[in-house]
Amino acid sequence: MQALIISGGHLEDGFAASYIENYDFGLTIAVDSGMSFFYRQGWVPDYIVGDFDSVKPEILQSFLGLKEDKPKVLQFQPEKDETDTEIAIRTAIGQGCGAIHILGATGSRLDHVLGNIHLLGMAMEQGVEVIMADPNNRIRMVREGLVLKKGGQYGKYVSLLPFTPQVTGLTLTGFKYPLDQYTLECYHSLGVSNEITGEQAEISFRDGVLLVIESKD
């Protein structure tokens, strides 16, 4: 089962609605002000999650006041160890979801963006793939190789950033800038802005964790 999480960062309705059309989501979760998107679309999420400090009260009440098909409510105090998005991801994992897509996880708060990227690793360690997407980026974290098809790529550029001190044995084929058994280390920008040149591009490596970012200008 795949889950959709709408978080409380920047979200363009047109992009989000178009993105959702491409997937069959068995579980939907609105995170705090992410409820606004569901409200505008006239949709009811399966869960609403958060401390509800940023959602408009009238939108929150519109969901709480439903007589039928009410969402499950997970409300927490603002003073807590986890972010609302982390709680949403853990909720989706607890419901047996094997893949999670998060929209609205980027925006002007860089601390939240970086924190959300770290959450990809939390899910990865439990065997669950999480994809963060916005109109310009698709972000994944992997500990195994990956094949990217040119026809399905998300934008022009593919950037590979090590999320462990080293990613060893990195081999890239089908890219403008290939590598062969390379050790990619932190604190360098070598993996930024590669491009797919073949029908598909293959990323393989021996050890480590890699952040894969596909980007549009």
N, C-alpha and C. Protein backbone atom coordinates (compact mmCIF):
# COMPACT_ATOMS: atom_id res chain seq x y z
N MET A 1 0.85 -1.19 0.00
CA MET A 1 0.00 0.00 0.00
C MET A 1 0.88 1.24 0.00
N GLN A 2 0.48 2.22 -0.79
CA GLN A 2 1.19 3.49 -0.84
C GLN A 2 0.42 4.55 -0.04
N ALA A 3 1.17 5.43 0.61
CA ALA A 3 0.56 6.50 1.40
C ALA A 3 0.92 7.85 0.81
N LEU A 4 0.00 8.78 0.92
CA LEU A 4 0.23 10.17 0.57
C LEU A 4 0.18 11.00 1.85
N ILE A 5 1.24 11.77 2.06
CA ILE A 5 1.28 12.71 3.18
C ILE A 5 1.36 14.12 2.61
N ILE A 6 0.44 14.97 3.01
CA ILE A 6 0.51 16.39 2.65
C ILE A 6 0.98 17.13 3.89
N SER A 7 2.19 17.64 3.84
CA SER A 7 2.77 18.33 4.98
C SER A 7 2.46 19.82 4.91
N GLY A 8 3.00 20.57 5.85
CA GLY A 8 2.60 21.96 6.00
C GLY A 8 3.51 22.98 5.37
N GLY A 9 4.42 22.53 4.47
CA GLY A 9 5.29 23.48 3.79
C GLY A 9 4.63 24.09 2.58
N HIS A 10 5.45 24.61 1.67
CA HIS A 10 4.91 25.24 0.46
C HIS A 10 4.29 24.18 -0.45
N LEU A 11 3.10 24.46 -0.95
CA LEU A 11 2.40 23.50 -1.80
C LEU A 11 1.61 24.24 -2.87
N GLU A 12 1.81 23.84 -4.12
CA GLU A 12 1.03 24.38 -5.22
C GLU A 12 -0.09 23.39 -5.54
N ASP A 13 -1.32 23.84 -5.48
CA ASP A 13 -2.46 22.94 -5.66
C ASP A 13 -2.45 22.23 -7.01
N GLY A 14 -2.13 22.97 -8.08
CA GLY A 14 -2.13 22.37 -9.40
C GLY A 14 -1.12 21.25 -9.50
N PHE A 15 0.08 21.50 -9.00
CA PHE A 15 1.11 20.46 -9.00
C PHE A 15 0.67 19.26 -8.19
N ALA A 16 0.16 19.50 -6.98
CA ALA A 16 -0.21 18.41 -6.09
C ALA A 16 -1.32 17.55 -6.69
N ALA A 17 -2.34 18.19 -7.23
CA ALA A 17 -3.45 17.43 -7.81
C ALA A 17 -2.99 16.60 -8.99
N SER A 18 -2.12 17.17 -9.82
CA SER A 18 -1.58 16.44 -10.97
C SER A 18 -0.72 15.27 -10.53
N TYR A 19 0.10 15.48 -9.51
CA TYR A 19 0.96 14.42 -8.98
C TYR A 19 0.13 13.26 -8.46
N ILE A 20 -0.91 13.57 -7.71
CA ILE A 20 -1.74 12.54 -7.08
C ILE A 20 -2.44 11.67 -8.12
N GLU A 21 -2.77 12.24 -9.27
CA GLU A 21 -3.46 11.49 -10.33
C GLU A 21 -2.63 10.30 -10.83
N ASN A 22 -1.32 10.36 -10.65
CA ASN A 22 -0.44 9.32 -11.18
C ASN A 22 -0.28 8.12 -10.25
N TYR A 23 -0.91 8.15 -9.09
CA TYR A 23 -0.70 7.10 -8.09
C TYR A 23 -2.04 6.64 -7.51
N ASP A 24 -2.02 5.43 -6.99
CA ASP A 24 -3.17 4.88 -6.28
C ASP A 24 -2.82 4.82 -4.80
N PHE A 25 -3.24 5.83 -4.07
CA PHE A 25 -2.88 5.91 -2.66
C PHE A 25 -3.95 5.23 -1.80
N GLY A 26 -3.50 4.26 -1.00
CA GLY A 26 -4.42 3.56 -0.12
C GLY A 26 -4.59 4.22 1.22
N LEU A 27 -3.75 5.23 1.52
CA LEU A 27 -3.82 5.95 2.79
C LEU A 27 -3.43 7.39 2.55
N THR A 28 -4.20 8.33 3.11
CA THR A 28 -3.88 9.75 2.98
C THR A 28 -3.82 10.38 4.36
N ILE A 29 -2.82 11.22 4.56
CA ILE A 29 -2.60 11.87 5.85
C ILE A 29 -2.36 13.35 5.62
N ALA A 30 -3.09 14.18 6.33
CA ALA A 30 -2.88 15.63 6.30
C ALA A 30 -2.14 16.03 7.57
N VAL A 31 -1.04 16.74 7.39
CA VAL A 31 -0.22 17.18 8.52
C VAL A 31 -0.51 18.65 8.79
N ASP A 32 -1.17 18.91 9.91
CA ASP A 32 -1.45 20.28 10.37
C ASP A 32 -2.02 21.13 9.23
N SER A 33 -1.30 22.18 8.79
CA SER A 33 -1.85 23.06 7.76
C SER A 33 -1.95 22.36 6.41
N GLY A 34 -1.42 21.17 6.27
CA GLY A 34 -1.65 20.38 5.07
C GLY A 34 -3.13 20.05 4.89
N MET A 35 -3.91 20.18 5.95
CA MET A 35 -5.36 20.01 5.84
C MET A 35 -5.97 21.00 4.86
N SER A 36 -5.33 22.16 4.70
CA SER A 36 -5.89 23.19 3.83
C SER A 36 -6.01 22.69 2.40
N PHE A 37 -5.04 21.92 1.94
CA PHE A 37 -5.10 21.39 0.58
C PHE A 37 -6.32 20.48 0.42
N PHE A 38 -6.52 19.55 1.34
CA PHE A 38 -7.68 18.66 1.26
C PHE A 38 -8.98 19.46 1.30
N TYR A 39 -9.01 20.48 2.13
CA TYR A 39 -10.20 21.32 2.26
C TYR A 39 -10.51 22.01 0.93
N ARG A 40 -9.49 22.56 0.30
CA ARG A 40 -9.70 23.26 -0.97
C ARG A 40 -10.15 22.31 -2.09
N GLN A 41 -9.68 21.06 -2.01
CA GLN A 41 -10.03 20.09 -3.03
C GLN A 41 -11.36 19.39 -2.75
N GLY A 42 -11.90 19.58 -1.54
CA GLY A 42 -13.13 18.89 -1.16
C GLY A 42 -12.90 17.42 -0.86
N TRP A 43 -11.69 17.06 -0.43
CA TRP A 43 -11.34 15.69 -0.09
C TRP A 43 -11.20 15.55 1.42
N VAL A 44 -11.41 14.35 1.91
CA VAL A 44 -11.24 14.07 3.34
C VAL A 44 -10.09 13.08 3.50
N PRO A 45 -9.04 13.46 4.23
CA PRO A 45 -7.93 12.52 4.44
C PRO A 45 -8.33 11.42 5.42
N ASP A 46 -7.58 10.34 5.41
CA ASP A 46 -7.83 9.26 6.37
C ASP A 46 -7.40 9.66 7.78
N TYR A 47 -6.32 10.43 7.87
CA TYR A 47 -5.82 10.90 9.17
C TYR A 47 -5.53 12.39 9.08
N ILE A 48 -5.76 13.09 10.18
CA ILE A 48 -5.20 14.43 10.37
C ILE A 48 -4.29 14.35 11.59
N VAL A 49 -3.08 14.90 11.42
CA VAL A 49 -2.01 14.68 12.39
C VAL A 49 -1.34 16.00 12.72
N GLY A 50 -0.99 16.20 13.97
CA GLY A 50 -0.18 17.35 14.34
C GLY A 50 -0.63 18.01 15.62
N ASP A 51 -0.01 19.16 15.91
CA ASP A 51 -0.41 19.95 17.07
C ASP A 51 -1.46 21.00 16.68
N PHE A 52 -1.71 21.14 15.40
CA PHE A 52 -2.76 22.00 14.85
C PHE A 52 -2.56 23.48 15.22
N ASP A 53 -1.29 23.87 15.25
CA ASP A 53 -1.00 25.26 15.58
C ASP A 53 -0.93 26.16 14.35
N SER A 54 -0.94 25.57 13.16
CA SER A 54 -0.82 26.39 11.95
C SER A 54 -2.02 26.26 11.01
N VAL A 55 -2.90 25.30 11.22
CA VAL A 55 -4.08 25.18 10.39
C VAL A 55 -5.13 26.19 10.85
N LYS A 56 -5.88 26.74 9.91
CA LYS A 56 -6.94 27.67 10.28
C LYS A 56 -8.02 26.94 11.08
N PRO A 57 -8.50 27.53 12.18
CA PRO A 57 -9.49 26.85 13.03
C PRO A 57 -10.72 26.40 12.27
N GLU A 58 -11.20 27.22 11.32
CA GLU A 58 -12.41 26.84 10.60
C GLU A 58 -12.19 25.61 9.71
N ILE A 59 -10.95 25.44 9.20
CA ILE A 59 -10.65 24.25 8.40
C ILE A 59 -10.58 23.03 9.29
N LEU A 60 -9.92 23.16 10.43
CA LEU A 60 -9.86 22.04 11.38
C LEU A 60 -11.27 21.63 11.80
N GLN A 61 -12.10 22.59 12.12
CA GLN A 61 -13.46 22.27 12.58
C GLN A 61 -14.31 21.64 11.47
N SER A 62 -14.01 21.99 10.21
CA SER A 62 -14.78 21.41 9.12
C SER A 62 -14.56 19.90 9.05
N PHE A 63 -13.36 19.44 9.40
CA PHE A 63 -13.09 18.00 9.41
C PHE A 63 -13.58 17.35 10.70
N LEU A 64 -13.39 18.04 11.82
CA LEU A 64 -13.82 17.46 13.10
C LEU A 64 -15.34 17.36 13.17
N GLY A 65 -16.03 18.24 12.45
CA GLY A 65 -17.49 18.27 12.52
C GLY A 65 -18.19 17.35 11.55
N LEU A 66 -17.45 16.60 10.76
CA LEU A 66 -18.09 15.69 9.81
C LEU A 66 -18.87 14.61 10.55
N LYS A 67 -20.04 14.28 10.04
CA LYS A 67 -20.87 13.25 10.67
C LYS A 67 -20.53 11.85 10.13
N GLU A 68 -20.05 11.79 8.89
CA GLU A 68 -19.70 10.51 8.28
C GLU A 68 -18.30 10.62 7.67
N ASP A 69 -17.64 9.47 7.56
CA ASP A 69 -16.30 9.41 6.94
C ASP A 69 -15.34 10.42 7.56
N LYS A 70 -15.41 10.56 8.88
CA LYS A 70 -14.52 11.48 9.57
C LYS A 70 -13.09 10.94 9.54
N PRO A 71 -12.11 11.83 9.42
CA PRO A 71 -10.73 11.37 9.51
C PRO A 71 -10.38 10.97 10.94
N LYS A 72 -9.45 10.05 11.08
CA LYS A 72 -8.91 9.73 12.41
C LYS A 72 -8.01 10.89 12.83
N VAL A 73 -8.10 11.27 14.07
CA VAL A 73 -7.40 12.45 14.56
C VAL A 73 -6.28 12.04 15.52
N LEU A 74 -5.06 12.48 15.21
CA LEU A 74 -3.91 12.29 16.09
C LEU A 74 -3.38 13.67 16.44
N GLN A 75 -3.81 14.18 17.60
CA GLN A 75 -3.41 15.52 18.01
C GLN A 75 -2.41 15.43 19.15
N PHE A 76 -1.37 16.30 19.08
CA PHE A 76 -0.29 16.28 20.05
C PHE A 76 -0.01 17.69 20.54
N GLN A 77 0.63 17.77 21.67
CA GLN A 77 1.06 19.06 22.19
C GLN A 77 2.20 19.62 21.35
N PRO A 78 2.30 20.94 21.20
CA PRO A 78 3.41 21.51 20.43
C PRO A 78 4.78 21.13 20.99
N GLU A 79 4.87 20.98 22.32
CA GLU A 79 6.14 20.61 22.93
C GLU A 79 6.30 19.10 22.89
N LYS A 80 6.96 18.60 21.85
CA LYS A 80 7.14 17.17 21.66
C LYS A 80 8.47 16.93 20.98
N ASP A 81 8.93 15.68 21.03
CA ASP A 81 10.24 15.37 20.46
C ASP A 81 10.21 15.24 18.94
N GLU A 82 9.10 14.76 18.36
CA GLU A 82 9.02 14.54 16.92
C GLU A 82 8.29 15.70 16.24
N THR A 83 8.66 15.96 14.99
CA THR A 83 7.88 16.91 14.20
C THR A 83 6.57 16.24 13.78
N ASP A 84 5.62 17.05 13.35
CA ASP A 84 4.35 16.52 12.88
C ASP A 84 4.56 15.58 11.68
N THR A 85 5.50 15.94 10.81
CA THR A 85 5.76 15.09 9.64
C THR A 85 6.33 13.75 10.04
N GLU A 86 7.20 13.72 11.04
CA GLU A 86 7.71 12.43 11.51
C GLU A 86 6.58 11.57 12.06
N ILE A 87 5.68 12.16 12.80
CA ILE A 87 4.54 11.39 13.33
C ILE A 87 3.71 10.84 12.19
N ALA A 88 3.52 11.63 11.14
CA ALA A 88 2.74 11.17 9.98
C ALA A 88 3.43 9.99 9.30
N ILE A 89 4.75 10.08 9.12
CA ILE A 89 5.48 8.98 8.49
C ILE A 89 5.38 7.72 9.34
N ARG A 90 5.56 7.86 10.64
CA ARG A 90 5.47 6.69 11.53
C ARG A 90 4.05 6.12 11.51
N THR A 91 3.05 6.97 11.38
CA THR A 91 1.67 6.49 11.28
C THR A 91 1.48 5.66 10.02
N ALA A 92 1.99 6.15 8.90
CA ALA A 92 1.87 5.42 7.63
C ALA A 92 2.60 4.08 7.70
N ILE A 93 3.78 4.07 8.30
CA ILE A 93 4.52 2.81 8.44
C ILE A 93 3.75 1.85 9.33
N GLY A 94 3.18 2.37 10.40
CA GLY A 94 2.41 1.54 11.32
C GLY A 94 1.17 0.95 10.68
N GLN A 95 0.67 1.58 9.63
CA GLN A 95 -0.50 1.08 8.91
C GLN A 95 -0.11 0.12 7.78
N GLY A 96 1.18 -0.21 7.71
CA GLY A 96 1.64 -1.21 6.75
C GLY A 96 1.98 -0.68 5.38
N CYS A 97 2.19 0.61 5.25
CA CYS A 97 2.52 1.17 3.94
C CYS A 97 3.97 0.85 3.58
N GLY A 98 4.18 0.40 2.36
CA GLY A 98 5.53 0.08 1.90
C GLY A 98 6.20 1.20 1.15
N ALA A 99 5.43 2.21 0.76
CA ALA A 99 5.96 3.39 0.06
C ALA A 99 5.15 4.60 0.48
N ILE A 100 5.84 5.72 0.65
CA ILE A 100 5.21 6.95 1.11
C ILE A 100 5.66 8.10 0.22
N HIS A 101 4.70 8.91 -0.22
CA HIS A 101 5.00 10.12 -0.98
C HIS A 101 4.62 11.32 -0.13
N ILE A 102 5.53 12.27 -0.03
CA ILE A 102 5.29 13.46 0.78
C ILE A 102 5.32 14.69 -0.11
N LEU A 103 4.24 15.46 -0.09
CA LEU A 103 4.18 16.75 -0.76
C LEU A 103 4.05 17.83 0.31
N GLY A 104 4.54 19.02 0.00
CA GLY A 104 4.48 20.09 0.98
C GLY A 104 5.55 19.97 2.06
N ALA A 105 6.64 19.27 1.76
CA ALA A 105 7.70 19.07 2.76
C ALA A 105 8.87 20.01 2.55
N THR A 106 8.78 20.88 1.54
CA THR A 106 9.83 21.87 1.30
C THR A 106 9.22 23.26 1.43
N GLY A 107 10.07 24.26 1.47
CA GLY A 107 9.58 25.63 1.63
C GLY A 107 10.67 26.53 2.15
N SER A 108 10.28 27.60 2.82
CA SER A 108 11.24 28.61 3.25
C SER A 108 11.98 28.25 4.53
N ARG A 109 11.44 27.30 5.31
CA ARG A 109 12.10 26.89 6.55
C ARG A 109 13.11 25.80 6.25
N LEU A 110 14.38 26.21 6.09
CA LEU A 110 15.42 25.25 5.72
C LEU A 110 15.62 24.20 6.80
N ASP A 111 15.42 24.56 8.06
CA ASP A 111 15.56 23.56 9.13
C ASP A 111 14.53 22.45 8.96
N HIS A 112 13.30 22.81 8.59
CA HIS A 112 12.27 21.80 8.37
C HIS A 112 12.60 20.95 7.14
N VAL A 113 13.11 21.59 6.09
CA VAL A 113 13.45 20.84 4.88
C VAL A 113 14.52 19.80 5.19
N LEU A 114 15.59 20.23 5.88
CA LEU A 114 16.66 19.29 6.23
C LEU A 114 16.16 18.22 7.19
N GLY A 115 15.32 18.61 8.14
CA GLY A 115 14.76 17.62 9.05
C GLY A 115 13.92 16.60 8.31
N ASN A 116 13.14 17.04 7.33
CA ASN A 116 12.33 16.11 6.55
C ASN A 116 13.20 15.18 5.72
N ILE A 117 14.31 15.69 5.18
CA ILE A 117 15.23 14.83 4.44
C ILE A 117 15.80 13.75 5.34
N HIS A 118 16.13 14.10 6.57
CA HIS A 118 16.63 13.10 7.51
C HIS A 118 15.59 12.01 7.77
N LEU A 119 14.32 12.37 7.72
CA LEU A 119 13.26 11.39 7.97
C LEU A 119 13.20 10.32 6.88
N LEU A 120 13.73 10.62 5.68
CA LEU A 120 13.80 9.60 4.65
C LEU A 120 14.63 8.41 5.15
N GLY A 121 15.67 8.71 5.91
CA GLY A 121 16.52 7.65 6.44
C GLY A 121 15.82 6.84 7.51
N MET A 122 15.01 7.49 8.33
CA MET A 122 14.26 6.77 9.35
C MET A 122 13.37 5.71 8.71
N ALA A 123 12.68 6.08 7.65
CA ALA A 123 11.82 5.13 6.95
C ALA A 123 12.65 4.08 6.22
N MET A 124 13.73 4.51 5.60
CA MET A 124 14.59 3.58 4.86
C MET A 124 15.08 2.46 5.75
N GLU A 125 15.43 2.78 6.98
CA GLU A 125 15.91 1.76 7.91
C GLU A 125 14.83 0.74 8.26
N GLN A 126 13.57 1.09 8.03
CA GLN A 126 12.47 0.15 8.27
C GLN A 126 11.97 -0.48 6.97
N GLY A 127 12.75 -0.31 5.90
CA GLY A 127 12.40 -0.94 4.63
C GLY A 127 11.31 -0.25 3.86
N VAL A 128 11.06 1.02 4.16
CA VAL A 128 9.99 1.77 3.50
C VAL A 128 10.60 2.91 2.68
N GLU A 129 10.25 2.96 1.41
CA GLU A 129 10.73 4.03 0.55
C GLU A 129 9.86 5.27 0.74
N VAL A 130 10.52 6.40 0.90
CA VAL A 130 9.81 7.67 0.99
C VAL A 130 10.33 8.58 -0.12
N ILE A 131 9.40 9.19 -0.83
CA ILE A 131 9.73 10.15 -1.88
C ILE A 131 9.18 11.51 -1.48
N MET A 132 10.05 12.50 -1.43
CA MET A 132 9.63 13.90 -1.24
C MET A 132 9.61 14.57 -2.59
N ALA A 133 8.53 15.25 -2.90
CA ALA A 133 8.44 15.90 -4.21
C ALA A 133 7.85 17.29 -4.08
N ASP A 134 8.33 18.19 -4.94
CA ASP A 134 7.72 19.48 -5.14
C ASP A 134 7.81 19.77 -6.63
N PRO A 135 7.34 20.91 -7.12
CA PRO A 135 7.35 21.13 -8.57
C PRO A 135 8.73 21.05 -9.21
N ASN A 136 9.80 21.20 -8.44
CA ASN A 136 11.14 21.22 -9.02
C ASN A 136 12.04 20.06 -8.60
N ASN A 137 11.64 19.28 -7.61
CA ASN A 137 12.54 18.27 -7.08
C ASN A 137 11.82 16.99 -6.69
N ARG A 138 12.52 15.88 -6.90
CA ARG A 138 12.09 14.59 -6.35
C ARG A 138 13.29 14.03 -5.59
N ILE A 139 13.09 13.73 -4.32
CA ILE A 139 14.19 13.40 -3.42
C ILE A 139 13.96 12.02 -2.82
N ARG A 140 15.00 11.18 -2.89
CA ARG A 140 14.96 9.84 -2.31
C ARG A 140 16.27 9.57 -1.58
N MET A 141 16.24 8.64 -0.65
CA MET A 141 17.43 8.17 0.03
C MET A 141 17.52 6.66 -0.18
N VAL A 142 18.71 6.18 -0.61
CA VAL A 142 18.85 4.77 -0.94
C VAL A 142 20.12 4.20 -0.33
N ARG A 143 20.06 2.91 -0.03
CA ARG A 143 21.26 2.19 0.40
C ARG A 143 21.58 1.06 -0.58
N GLU A 144 20.82 1.02 -1.69
CA GLU A 144 21.08 0.07 -2.77
C GLU A 144 21.05 0.81 -4.09
N GLY A 145 21.47 0.13 -5.15
CA GLY A 145 21.52 0.75 -6.46
C GLY A 145 20.15 1.14 -6.98
N LEU A 146 20.17 1.94 -8.05
CA LEU A 146 18.93 2.50 -8.58
C LEU A 146 19.07 2.67 -10.09
N VAL A 147 18.00 2.38 -10.82
CA VAL A 147 17.97 2.60 -12.26
C VAL A 147 16.98 3.73 -12.54
N LEU A 148 17.41 4.72 -13.30
CA LEU A 148 16.56 5.85 -13.67
C LEU A 148 16.34 5.81 -15.17
N LYS A 149 15.10 5.75 -15.60
CA LYS A 149 14.78 5.76 -17.03
C LYS A 149 14.62 7.20 -17.50
N LYS A 150 15.22 7.49 -18.65
CA LYS A 150 15.19 8.86 -19.15
C LYS A 150 13.76 9.34 -19.36
N GLY A 151 12.89 8.43 -19.83
CA GLY A 151 11.51 8.81 -20.08
C GLY A 151 10.72 9.12 -18.82
N GLY A 152 11.20 8.66 -17.68
CA GLY A 152 10.48 8.88 -16.44
C GLY A 152 11.21 9.76 -15.46
N GLN A 153 12.29 10.42 -15.93
CA GLN A 153 13.06 11.24 -15.00
C GLN A 153 12.29 12.49 -14.61
N TYR A 154 12.68 13.04 -13.48
CA TYR A 154 11.99 14.19 -12.90
C TYR A 154 12.88 15.40 -13.11
N GLY A 155 12.81 15.99 -14.29
CA GLY A 155 13.67 17.13 -14.57
C GLY A 155 14.94 16.72 -15.28
N LYS A 156 15.83 17.66 -15.47
CA LYS A 156 17.04 17.47 -16.27
C LYS A 156 18.20 16.93 -15.47
N TYR A 157 18.30 17.29 -14.21
CA TYR A 157 19.51 17.02 -13.44
C TYR A 157 19.31 15.92 -12.40
N VAL A 158 20.38 15.18 -12.16
CA VAL A 158 20.41 14.18 -11.10
C VAL A 158 21.62 14.47 -10.23
N SER A 159 21.39 14.73 -8.96
CA SER A 159 22.48 14.99 -8.03
C SER A 159 22.54 13.86 -7.00
N LEU A 160 23.75 13.44 -6.70
CA LEU A 160 23.99 12.35 -5.76
C LEU A 160 24.85 12.88 -4.63
N LEU A 161 24.32 12.84 -3.43
CA LEU A 161 25.02 13.36 -2.25
C LEU A 161 25.17 12.25 -1.23
N PRO A 162 26.38 12.04 -0.72
CA PRO A 162 26.55 10.99 0.29
C PRO A 162 25.90 11.39 1.61
N PHE A 163 25.16 10.47 2.21
CA PHE A 163 24.54 10.75 3.50
C PHE A 163 25.23 9.99 4.62
N THR A 164 26.26 9.29 4.26
CA THR A 164 27.20 8.70 5.19
C THR A 164 28.56 9.30 4.88
N PRO A 165 29.56 9.18 5.77
CA PRO A 165 30.85 9.80 5.46
C PRO A 165 31.41 9.42 4.10
N GLN A 166 31.15 8.16 3.68
CA GLN A 166 31.59 7.71 2.37
C GLN A 166 30.52 6.84 1.72
N VAL A 167 30.43 6.93 0.41
CA VAL A 167 29.69 5.95 -0.39
C VAL A 167 30.74 5.30 -1.29
N THR A 168 31.00 4.02 -1.06
CA THR A 168 32.11 3.36 -1.73
C THR A 168 31.65 2.55 -2.94
N GLY A 169 32.57 2.38 -3.89
CA GLY A 169 32.28 1.58 -5.07
C GLY A 169 31.23 2.19 -5.97
N LEU A 170 31.09 3.51 -5.96
CA LEU A 170 30.04 4.16 -6.74
C LEU A 170 30.36 4.08 -8.23
N THR A 171 29.44 3.50 -8.97
CA THR A 171 29.59 3.37 -10.42
C THR A 171 28.35 3.95 -11.09
N LEU A 172 28.57 4.84 -12.04
CA LEU A 172 27.49 5.49 -12.76
C LEU A 172 27.64 5.19 -14.25
N THR A 173 26.59 4.64 -14.83
CA THR A 173 26.57 4.40 -16.27
C THR A 173 25.33 5.06 -16.86
N GLY A 174 25.45 5.50 -18.11
CA GLY A 174 24.35 6.20 -18.77
C GLY A 174 24.23 7.65 -18.36
N PHE A 175 25.26 8.18 -17.70
CA PHE A 175 25.28 9.57 -17.27
C PHE A 175 26.31 10.36 -18.09
N LYS A 176 26.12 11.66 -18.14
CA LYS A 176 27.08 12.56 -18.78
C LYS A 176 28.43 12.46 -18.11
N TYR A 177 28.42 12.34 -16.79
CA TYR A 177 29.67 12.22 -16.03
C TYR A 177 29.68 10.85 -15.34
N PRO A 178 30.27 9.84 -15.98
CA PRO A 178 30.27 8.49 -15.40
C PRO A 178 31.32 8.37 -14.29
N LEU A 179 31.14 7.36 -13.47
CA LEU A 179 32.12 7.02 -12.44
C LEU A 179 32.29 5.51 -12.43
N ASP A 180 33.46 5.08 -11.98
CA ASP A 180 33.74 3.64 -11.91
C ASP A 180 34.41 3.34 -10.57
N GLN A 181 33.65 2.66 -9.70
CA GLN A 181 34.18 2.24 -8.40
C GLN A 181 34.78 3.42 -7.62
N TYR A 182 34.07 4.51 -7.61
CA TYR A 182 34.55 5.73 -6.97
C TYR A 182 34.10 5.79 -5.51
N THR A 183 34.90 6.40 -4.67
CA THR A 183 34.50 6.65 -3.28
C THR A 183 34.07 8.11 -3.16
N LEU A 184 32.76 8.29 -2.99
CA LEU A 184 32.19 9.63 -2.86
C LEU A 184 32.16 10.00 -1.38
N GLU A 185 32.78 11.12 -1.04
CA GLU A 185 32.92 11.51 0.35
C GLU A 185 32.10 12.76 0.66
N CYS A 186 31.75 12.89 1.94
CA CYS A 186 31.07 14.11 2.40
C CYS A 186 31.96 15.33 2.21
N TYR A 187 31.31 16.48 2.26
CA TYR A 187 31.98 17.78 2.21
C TYR A 187 32.58 18.08 0.84
N HIS A 188 32.04 17.45 -0.21
CA HIS A 188 32.43 17.75 -1.59
C HIS A 188 31.16 17.87 -2.42
N SER A 189 31.28 18.53 -3.56
CA SER A 189 30.11 18.76 -4.42
C SER A 189 30.20 18.00 -5.74
N LEU A 190 31.05 16.99 -5.79
CA LEU A 190 31.28 16.27 -7.04
C LEU A 190 30.00 15.70 -7.65
N GLY A 191 29.07 15.24 -6.81
CA GLY A 191 27.89 14.54 -7.32
C GLY A 191 26.75 15.44 -7.79
N VAL A 192 26.95 16.74 -7.78
CA VAL A 192 25.86 17.67 -8.11
C VAL A 192 25.73 17.86 -9.62
N SER A 193 24.48 17.88 -10.10
CA SER A 193 24.12 18.27 -11.47
C SER A 193 24.69 17.35 -12.54
N ASN A 194 24.49 16.06 -12.39
CA ASN A 194 24.77 15.13 -13.47
C ASN A 194 23.56 15.07 -14.40
N GLU A 195 23.70 14.43 -15.55
CA GLU A 195 22.60 14.34 -16.51
C GLU A 195 22.53 12.95 -17.11
N ILE A 196 21.33 12.47 -17.38
CA ILE A 196 21.13 11.17 -18.01
C ILE A 196 21.31 11.34 -19.53
N THR A 197 22.17 10.49 -20.12
CA THR A 197 22.42 10.58 -21.55
C THR A 197 21.87 9.38 -22.31
N GLY A 198 21.74 8.23 -21.66
CA GLY A 198 21.21 7.04 -22.32
C GLY A 198 19.72 6.91 -22.11
N GLU A 199 19.18 5.80 -22.60
CA GLU A 199 17.76 5.51 -22.38
C GLU A 199 17.48 5.30 -20.90
N GLN A 200 18.48 4.81 -20.19
CA GLN A 200 18.38 4.69 -18.75
C GLN A 200 19.77 4.87 -18.15
N ALA A 201 19.80 5.25 -16.91
CA ALA A 201 21.05 5.44 -16.18
C ALA A 201 21.03 4.56 -14.94
N GLU A 202 22.19 3.99 -14.64
CA GLU A 202 22.27 3.07 -13.51
C GLU A 202 23.23 3.61 -12.46
N ILE A 203 22.77 3.56 -11.22
CA ILE A 203 23.58 3.94 -10.06
C ILE A 203 23.80 2.69 -9.24
N SER A 204 25.05 2.32 -9.01
CA SER A 204 25.34 1.18 -8.14
C SER A 204 26.47 1.56 -7.19
N PHE A 205 26.46 0.98 -6.01
CA PHE A 205 27.53 1.24 -5.05
C PHE A 205 27.61 0.08 -4.07
N ARG A 206 28.73 0.00 -3.40
CA ARG A 206 29.01 -1.13 -2.53
C ARG A 206 28.50 -0.88 -1.10
N ASP A 207 28.74 0.31 -0.58
CA ASP A 207 28.39 0.56 0.82
C ASP A 207 28.11 2.05 1.02
N GLY A 208 27.21 2.34 1.96
CA GLY A 208 26.89 3.72 2.28
C GLY A 208 25.43 4.03 2.02
N VAL A 209 25.08 5.30 2.22
CA VAL A 209 23.72 5.79 1.98
C VAL A 209 23.83 7.01 1.08
N LEU A 210 22.99 7.01 0.04
CA LEU A 210 23.07 8.04 -0.98
C LEU A 210 21.75 8.80 -1.06
N LEU A 211 21.85 10.13 -1.11
CA LEU A 211 20.69 10.97 -1.35
C LEU A 211 20.62 11.26 -2.85
N VAL A 212 19.49 10.90 -3.46
CA VAL A 212 19.31 11.07 -4.91
C VAL A 212 18.27 12.17 -5.12
N ILE A 213 18.70 13.24 -5.78
CA ILE A 213 17.83 14.40 -6.02
C ILE A 213 17.72 14.62 -7.52
N GLU A 214 16.51 14.47 -8.06
CA GLU A 214 16.26 14.82 -9.46
C GLU A 214 15.64 16.22 -9.47
N SER A 215 16.18 17.09 -10.31
CA SER A 215 15.79 18.49 -10.24
C SER A 215 15.52 19.09 -11.61
N LYS A 216 14.58 20.04 -11.61
CA LYS A 216 14.30 20.88 -12.76
C LYS A 216 14.86 22.28 -12.47
N ASP A 217 15.15 23.04 -13.51
CA ASP A 217 15.57 24.43 -13.30
C ASP A 217 14.42 25.24 -12.74
